[in-house]
Amino acid sequence: MNKKIIFIDSEISLRNHKIDDLGAIKENGDIFHSPDIRSFATFIQEGNFLCGHNIVHHDLKYLQNILQLMPLQVSIRSISLRC
């Protein structure tokens, strides 16, 4: 079985802490851009791995409720890089 990686990012309003935009790209080049979290969930549902910058300390805080409802088997790895 071929494992699928989906790269994600979220933009959150500093004013009200709501999702302004969600972005994702699949390995085949399909792109998602919308603040609609349910459409985002549909787009990423076939992924085995989610990858994103600061996903653990930022994105998951805003996405965890919808991700818990999905039948994903997501592996999250956090790598700290210091430059």
N, C-alpha and C. Protein backbone atom coordinates (compact mmCIF):
# COMPACT_ATOMS: atom_id res chain seq x y z
N MET A 1 0.84 -1.18 0.00
CA MET A 1 0.00 0.00 0.00
C MET A 1 0.88 1.25 0.00
N ASN A 2 0.56 2.19 -0.85
CA ASN A 2 1.32 3.42 -0.96
C ASN A 2 0.85 4.43 0.09
N LYS A 3 1.72 4.86 0.97
CA LYS A 3 1.37 5.83 2.00
C LYS A 3 1.32 7.23 1.39
N LYS A 4 0.33 8.02 1.80
CA LYS A 4 0.14 9.36 1.23
C LYS A 4 0.42 10.43 2.27
N ILE A 5 1.23 11.41 1.86
CA ILE A 5 1.56 12.56 2.71
C ILE A 5 0.79 13.77 2.20
N ILE A 6 0.17 14.49 3.10
CA ILE A 6 -0.49 15.74 2.75
C ILE A 6 0.13 16.84 3.60
N PHE A 7 0.57 17.89 2.92
CA PHE A 7 1.19 19.03 3.59
C PHE A 7 0.10 20.06 3.88
N ILE A 8 0.06 20.53 5.14
CA ILE A 8 -1.02 21.44 5.54
C ILE A 8 -0.46 22.70 6.20
N ASP A 9 -1.30 23.72 6.22
CA ASP A 9 -0.97 24.95 6.94
C ASP A 9 -2.28 25.64 7.30
N SER A 10 -2.27 26.38 8.39
CA SER A 10 -3.45 27.16 8.78
C SER A 10 -3.03 28.59 9.06
N GLU A 11 -3.92 29.50 8.71
CA GLU A 11 -3.73 30.91 9.02
C GLU A 11 -4.84 31.29 10.01
N ILE A 12 -4.43 31.76 11.17
CA ILE A 12 -5.36 32.07 12.25
C ILE A 12 -5.35 33.57 12.53
N SER A 13 -6.54 34.15 12.70
CA SER A 13 -6.66 35.57 12.99
C SER A 13 -6.09 35.88 14.37
N LEU A 14 -5.23 36.88 14.44
CA LEU A 14 -4.70 37.31 15.73
C LEU A 14 -5.78 38.02 16.55
N ARG A 15 -6.75 38.60 15.86
CA ARG A 15 -7.80 39.37 16.53
C ARG A 15 -8.80 38.47 17.26
N ASN A 16 -9.31 37.43 16.57
CA ASN A 16 -10.36 36.62 17.18
C ASN A 16 -10.01 35.13 17.30
N HIS A 17 -8.80 34.75 16.89
CA HIS A 17 -8.31 33.38 16.99
C HIS A 17 -9.18 32.38 16.23
N LYS A 18 -9.78 32.82 15.15
CA LYS A 18 -10.57 31.97 14.27
C LYS A 18 -9.75 31.65 13.02
N ILE A 19 -10.11 30.58 12.34
CA ILE A 19 -9.41 30.17 11.13
C ILE A 19 -9.73 31.14 10.00
N ASP A 20 -8.71 31.79 9.46
CA ASP A 20 -8.85 32.66 8.29
C ASP A 20 -8.72 31.86 7.00
N ASP A 21 -7.82 30.87 6.99
CA ASP A 21 -7.58 30.08 5.79
C ASP A 21 -6.92 28.77 6.18
N LEU A 22 -7.25 27.75 5.42
CA LEU A 22 -6.60 26.44 5.54
C LEU A 22 -6.04 26.10 4.17
N GLY A 23 -4.84 25.59 4.17
CA GLY A 23 -4.22 25.20 2.91
C GLY A 23 -3.67 23.80 3.02
N ALA A 24 -3.69 23.09 1.91
CA ALA A 24 -3.13 21.75 1.86
C ALA A 24 -2.75 21.42 0.43
N ILE A 25 -1.75 20.57 0.31
CA ILE A 25 -1.35 20.09 -1.01
C ILE A 25 -1.02 18.61 -0.89
N LYS A 26 -1.51 17.86 -1.87
CA LYS A 26 -1.25 16.42 -1.93
C LYS A 26 -0.05 16.16 -2.83
N GLU A 27 0.49 14.98 -2.72
CA GLU A 27 1.65 14.60 -3.53
C GLU A 27 1.37 14.67 -5.03
N ASN A 28 0.12 14.49 -5.43
CA ASN A 28 -0.22 14.54 -6.85
C ASN A 28 -0.44 15.96 -7.36
N GLY A 29 -0.28 16.95 -6.46
CA GLY A 29 -0.41 18.36 -6.85
C GLY A 29 -1.77 18.97 -6.59
N ASP A 30 -2.76 18.19 -6.15
CA ASP A 30 -4.06 18.76 -5.81
C ASP A 30 -3.89 19.75 -4.67
N ILE A 31 -4.55 20.91 -4.78
CA ILE A 31 -4.40 21.99 -3.80
C ILE A 31 -5.75 22.34 -3.20
N PHE A 32 -5.73 22.64 -1.90
CA PHE A 32 -6.92 23.11 -1.19
C PHE A 32 -6.61 24.46 -0.56
N HIS A 33 -7.54 25.42 -0.70
CA HIS A 33 -7.46 26.71 0.00
C HIS A 33 -8.87 27.17 0.34
N SER A 34 -9.18 27.22 1.61
CA SER A 34 -10.50 27.67 2.05
C SER A 34 -10.48 27.71 3.58
N PRO A 35 -11.29 28.56 4.19
CA PRO A 35 -11.42 28.52 5.65
C PRO A 35 -12.43 27.47 6.13
N ASP A 36 -13.08 26.76 5.20
CA ASP A 36 -14.11 25.78 5.54
C ASP A 36 -13.47 24.49 6.07
N ILE A 37 -13.58 24.28 7.37
CA ILE A 37 -12.90 23.16 8.02
C ILE A 37 -13.47 21.81 7.59
N ARG A 38 -14.75 21.74 7.28
CA ARG A 38 -15.34 20.47 6.83
C ARG A 38 -14.84 20.10 5.43
N SER A 39 -14.71 21.06 4.56
CA SER A 39 -14.15 20.80 3.23
C SER A 39 -12.68 20.40 3.34
N PHE A 40 -11.99 21.04 4.27
CA PHE A 40 -10.59 20.69 4.54
C PHE A 40 -10.49 19.23 4.99
N ALA A 41 -11.37 18.85 5.90
CA ALA A 41 -11.38 17.47 6.41
C ALA A 41 -11.62 16.47 5.28
N THR A 42 -12.52 16.80 4.38
CA THR A 42 -12.79 15.92 3.24
C THR A 42 -11.54 15.81 2.36
N PHE A 43 -10.86 16.94 2.14
CA PHE A 43 -9.68 16.95 1.29
C PHE A 43 -8.55 16.09 1.85
N ILE A 44 -8.35 16.12 3.16
CA ILE A 44 -7.22 15.41 3.76
C ILE A 44 -7.53 13.98 4.20
N GLN A 45 -8.77 13.55 4.07
CA GLN A 45 -9.17 12.26 4.66
C GLN A 45 -8.45 11.05 4.08
N GLU A 46 -7.91 11.14 2.89
CA GLU A 46 -7.22 9.97 2.32
C GLU A 46 -5.74 9.95 2.66
N GLY A 47 -5.27 10.93 3.41
CA GLY A 47 -3.86 10.97 3.77
C GLY A 47 -3.52 10.03 4.91
N ASN A 48 -2.31 9.52 4.89
CA ASN A 48 -1.81 8.71 5.99
C ASN A 48 -0.95 9.53 6.93
N PHE A 49 -0.34 10.58 6.38
CA PHE A 49 0.53 11.44 7.17
C PHE A 49 0.20 12.90 6.86
N LEU A 50 0.16 13.72 7.90
CA LEU A 50 0.04 15.16 7.72
C LEU A 50 1.37 15.77 8.09
N CYS A 51 1.81 16.70 7.27
CA CYS A 51 3.09 17.36 7.49
C CYS A 51 2.86 18.86 7.42
N GLY A 52 3.47 19.59 8.34
CA GLY A 52 3.34 21.04 8.31
C GLY A 52 4.32 21.69 9.25
N HIS A 53 4.64 22.94 8.94
CA HIS A 53 5.52 23.72 9.81
C HIS A 53 4.76 24.06 11.09
N ASN A 54 5.34 23.74 12.22
CA ASN A 54 4.76 24.06 13.53
C ASN A 54 3.38 23.43 13.73
N ILE A 55 3.17 22.27 13.15
CA ILE A 55 1.87 21.60 13.22
C ILE A 55 1.48 21.22 14.65
N VAL A 56 2.45 20.81 15.44
CA VAL A 56 2.16 20.35 16.80
C VAL A 56 1.79 21.51 17.72
N HIS A 57 2.51 22.62 17.63
CA HIS A 57 2.29 23.72 18.56
C HIS A 57 1.34 24.79 18.02
N HIS A 58 0.89 24.65 16.79
CA HIS A 58 0.00 25.67 16.25
C HIS A 58 -1.24 25.05 15.60
N ASP A 59 -1.07 24.40 14.47
CA ASP A 59 -2.20 23.93 13.67
C ASP A 59 -3.14 22.99 14.43
N LEU A 60 -2.58 22.03 15.15
CA LEU A 60 -3.43 21.04 15.82
C LEU A 60 -4.36 21.66 16.86
N LYS A 61 -3.94 22.75 17.44
CA LYS A 61 -4.79 23.42 18.42
C LYS A 61 -6.13 23.83 17.80
N TYR A 62 -6.11 24.21 16.53
CA TYR A 62 -7.31 24.67 15.83
C TYR A 62 -8.00 23.57 15.04
N LEU A 63 -7.30 22.49 14.76
CA LEU A 63 -7.85 21.42 13.93
C LEU A 63 -8.21 20.15 14.69
N GLN A 64 -7.83 20.06 15.96
CA GLN A 64 -7.98 18.80 16.68
C GLN A 64 -9.43 18.32 16.76
N ASN A 65 -10.39 19.21 16.91
CA ASN A 65 -11.78 18.78 17.05
C ASN A 65 -12.27 18.06 15.79
N ILE A 66 -11.98 18.60 14.63
CA ILE A 66 -12.43 17.96 13.39
C ILE A 66 -11.61 16.71 13.10
N LEU A 67 -10.32 16.73 13.42
CA LEU A 67 -9.48 15.55 13.15
C LEU A 67 -9.89 14.36 14.00
N GLN A 68 -10.38 14.62 15.21
CA GLN A 68 -10.81 13.52 16.09
C GLN A 68 -12.04 12.80 15.54
N LEU A 69 -12.82 13.48 14.71
CA LEU A 69 -14.02 12.88 14.13
C LEU A 69 -13.74 12.07 12.87
N MET A 70 -12.53 12.17 12.38
CA MET A 70 -12.19 11.52 11.12
C MET A 70 -11.56 10.15 11.34
N PRO A 71 -11.80 9.24 10.40
CA PRO A 71 -11.19 7.91 10.50
C PRO A 71 -9.77 7.91 9.97
N LEU A 72 -8.98 8.88 10.38
CA LEU A 72 -7.59 8.98 9.94
C LEU A 72 -6.70 8.14 10.85
N GLN A 73 -5.69 7.59 10.27
CA GLN A 73 -4.62 7.00 11.06
C GLN A 73 -3.41 7.87 10.77
N VAL A 74 -3.34 8.96 11.49
CA VAL A 74 -2.32 9.96 11.22
C VAL A 74 -1.14 9.77 12.16
N SER A 75 0.02 9.84 11.60
CA SER A 75 1.24 9.80 12.39
C SER A 75 1.80 11.21 12.45
N ILE A 76 2.04 11.69 13.65
CA ILE A 76 2.60 13.03 13.82
C ILE A 76 3.96 12.92 14.45
N ARG A 77 4.91 13.50 13.80
CA ARG A 77 6.28 13.56 14.30
C ARG A 77 6.68 15.01 14.41
N SER A 78 7.29 15.35 15.46
CA SER A 78 7.75 16.72 15.65
C SER A 78 9.28 16.72 15.62
N ILE A 79 9.81 17.57 14.78
CA ILE A 79 11.26 17.71 14.67
C ILE A 79 11.62 19.15 14.96
N SER A 80 12.45 19.37 15.93
CA SER A 80 12.92 20.72 16.25
C SER A 80 14.24 20.97 15.53
N LEU A 81 14.24 22.02 14.75
CA LEU A 81 15.46 22.41 14.06
C LEU A 81 15.92 23.75 14.62
N ARG A 82 17.14 23.83 15.01
CA ARG A 82 17.67 25.09 15.53
C ARG A 82 18.75 25.56 14.57
N CYS A 83 18.61 26.78 14.14
CA CYS A 83 19.59 27.34 13.21
C CYS A 83 20.41 28.41 13.90
